[in-house]
Amino acid sequence: VTTWLRQQNFGDPAQLMSDGSGLSPRNRTTARQLVKVVQAFDARSHPLRQIWRDSLPLGGVRGSLRRRYQETTETRA
């Protein structure tokens, strides 16, 4: 993960990746770095954009967030 972040110029002195799972309490990243990663994956030209978007949870839809965000502008339509 750290190598990929550096290759994408997302390196940050405050960044610390203990493992690639994202679950380690020792992982550290800045808000700025997280925004850069989200913007990169959401760019229309990114080849993994749709896979990434499909992996995100949807509020008000059956699953881990089934009972949350039931009344959003997305679900009212």
C-alpha atoms as a PDB file:
ATOM      1  CA  VAL A   1       0.000   0.000   0.000  1.00  0.00           C
ATOM      2  CA  THR A   2       2.792   2.410   0.929  1.00  0.00           C
ATOM      3  CA  THR A   3       4.603   1.743  -2.353  1.00  0.00           C
ATOM      4  CA  TRP A   4       1.420   2.349  -4.371  1.00  0.00           C
ATOM      5  CA  LEU A   5       0.706   5.572  -2.475  1.00  0.00           C
ATOM      6  CA  ARG A   6       4.222   6.829  -3.207  1.00  0.00           C
ATOM      7  CA  GLN A   7       3.925   5.879  -6.888  1.00  0.00           C
ATOM      8  CA  GLN A   8       0.738   7.958  -7.072  1.00  0.00           C
ATOM      9  CA  ASN A   9       2.473  10.888  -5.338  1.00  0.00           C
ATOM     10  CA  PHE A  10       0.218  10.474  -2.318  1.00  0.00           C
ATOM     11  CA  GLY A  11       3.152  10.132   0.053  1.00  0.00           C
ATOM     12  CA  ASP A  12       2.845  12.093   3.258  1.00  0.00           C
ATOM     13  CA  PRO A  13       5.343  12.342   6.124  1.00  0.00           C
ATOM     14  CA  ALA A  14       2.525  11.643   8.607  1.00  0.00           C
ATOM     15  CA  GLN A  15       1.555   8.413   6.835  1.00  0.00           C
ATOM     16  CA  LEU A  16       2.249   5.087   8.501  1.00  0.00           C
ATOM     17  CA  MET A  17       1.025   1.770   7.126  1.00  0.00           C
ATOM     18  CA  SER A  18       1.511  -1.170   9.449  1.00  0.00           C
ATOM     19  CA  ASP A  19      -0.191  -3.611   7.117  1.00  0.00           C
ATOM     20  CA  GLY A  20      -2.273  -3.549   3.951  1.00  0.00           C
ATOM     21  CA  SER A  21      -5.556  -4.585   5.562  1.00  0.00           C
ATOM     22  CA  GLY A  22      -6.424  -1.131   6.870  1.00  0.00           C
ATOM     23  CA  LEU A  23      -7.436  -2.713  10.173  1.00  0.00           C
ATOM     24  CA  SER A  24      -4.293  -2.170  12.215  1.00  0.00           C
ATOM     25  CA  PRO A  25      -4.663   0.458  14.947  1.00  0.00           C
ATOM     26  CA  ARG A  26      -1.092   1.485  14.073  1.00  0.00           C
ATOM     27  CA  ASN A  27      -2.075   2.663  10.577  1.00  0.00           C
ATOM     28  CA  ARG A  28      -1.937   6.453  10.249  1.00  0.00           C
ATOM     29  CA  THR A  29      -2.925   8.720   7.391  1.00  0.00           C
ATOM     30  CA  THR A  30      -3.890  12.349   7.016  1.00  0.00           C
ATOM     31  CA  ALA A  31      -7.280  13.630   5.898  1.00  0.00           C
ATOM     32  CA  ARG A  32      -5.580  15.269   2.906  1.00  0.00           C
ATOM     33  CA  GLN A  33      -4.104  11.944   1.814  1.00  0.00           C
ATOM     34  CA  LEU A  34      -7.448  10.169   2.135  1.00  0.00           C
ATOM     35  CA  VAL A  35      -9.148  12.845   0.018  1.00  0.00           C
ATOM     36  CA  LYS A  36      -6.460  12.467  -2.671  1.00  0.00           C
ATOM     37  CA  VAL A  37      -6.998   8.703  -2.836  1.00  0.00           C
ATOM     38  CA  VAL A  38     -10.797   9.066  -3.062  1.00  0.00           C
ATOM     39  CA  GLN A  39     -10.480  11.723  -5.775  1.00  0.00           C
ATOM     40  CA  ALA A  40      -8.061   9.549  -7.753  1.00  0.00           C
ATOM     41  CA  PHE A  41     -10.316   6.488  -7.681  1.00  0.00           C
ATOM     42  CA  ASP A  42     -13.413   8.545  -8.472  1.00  0.00           C
ATOM     43  CA  ALA A  43     -11.822  10.193 -11.521  1.00  0.00           C
ATOM     44  CA  ARG A  44     -13.737   9.189 -14.649  1.00  0.00           C
ATOM     45  CA  SER A  45     -10.508   8.075 -16.309  1.00  0.00           C
ATOM     46  CA  HIS A  46      -9.445   5.650 -13.537  1.00  0.00           C
ATOM     47  CA  PRO A  47      -9.703   2.051 -14.839  1.00  0.00           C
ATOM     48  CA  LEU A  48     -10.922   0.726 -11.464  1.00  0.00           C
ATOM     49  CA  ARG A  49     -13.464   3.487 -10.859  1.00  0.00           C
ATOM     50  CA  GLN A  50     -16.606   1.376 -11.231  1.00  0.00           C
ATOM     51  CA  ILE A  51     -15.219  -1.515  -9.181  1.00  0.00           C
ATOM     52  CA  TRP A  52     -14.278   0.925  -6.433  1.00  0.00           C
ATOM     53  CA  ARG A  53     -17.687   2.635  -6.497  1.00  0.00           C
ATOM     54  CA  ASP A  54     -19.503  -0.717  -6.453  1.00  0.00           C
ATOM     55  CA  SER A  55     -17.560  -1.695  -3.322  1.00  0.00           C
ATOM     56  CA  LEU A  56     -18.904   1.262  -1.302  1.00  0.00           C
ATOM     57  CA  PRO A  57     -21.856   0.703   1.047  1.00  0.00           C
ATOM     58  CA  LEU A  58     -25.206   2.231   0.143  1.00  0.00           C
ATOM     59  CA  GLY A  59     -27.365   3.752   2.844  1.00  0.00           C
ATOM     60  CA  GLY A  60     -30.929   2.442   3.063  1.00  0.00           C
ATOM     61  CA  VAL A  61     -30.128  -0.716   1.089  1.00  0.00           C
ATOM     62  CA  ARG A  62     -30.159  -4.213   2.541  1.00  0.00           C
ATOM     63  CA  GLY A  63     -26.781  -5.060   4.016  1.00  0.00           C
ATOM     64  CA  SER A  64     -24.535  -3.663   6.714  1.00  0.00           C
ATOM     65  CA  LEU A  65     -26.237  -0.249   6.542  1.00  0.00           C
ATOM     66  CA  ARG A  66     -29.771  -1.517   5.949  1.00  0.00           C
ATOM     67  CA  ARG A  67     -31.420   0.613   8.641  1.00  0.00           C
ATOM     68  CA  ARG A  68     -29.308   3.718   8.224  1.00  0.00           C
ATOM     69  CA  TYR A  69     -29.810   6.687   5.948  1.00  0.00           C
ATOM     70  CA  GLN A  70     -33.300   5.532   4.992  1.00  0.00           C
ATOM     71  CA  GLU A  71     -34.394   9.075   4.151  1.00  0.00           C
ATOM     72  CA  THR A  72     -31.691  10.398   1.854  1.00  0.00           C
ATOM     73  CA  THR A  73     -32.266  12.226  -1.413  1.00  0.00           C
ATOM     74  CA  GLU A  74     -30.847   9.149  -3.177  1.00  0.00           C
ATOM     75  CA  THR A  75     -33.405   6.734  -1.670  1.00  0.00           C
ATOM     76  CA  ARG A  76     -36.467   8.993  -1.959  1.00  0.00           C
ATOM     77  CA  ALA A  77     -36.457   8.908  -5.761  1.00  0.00           C
END
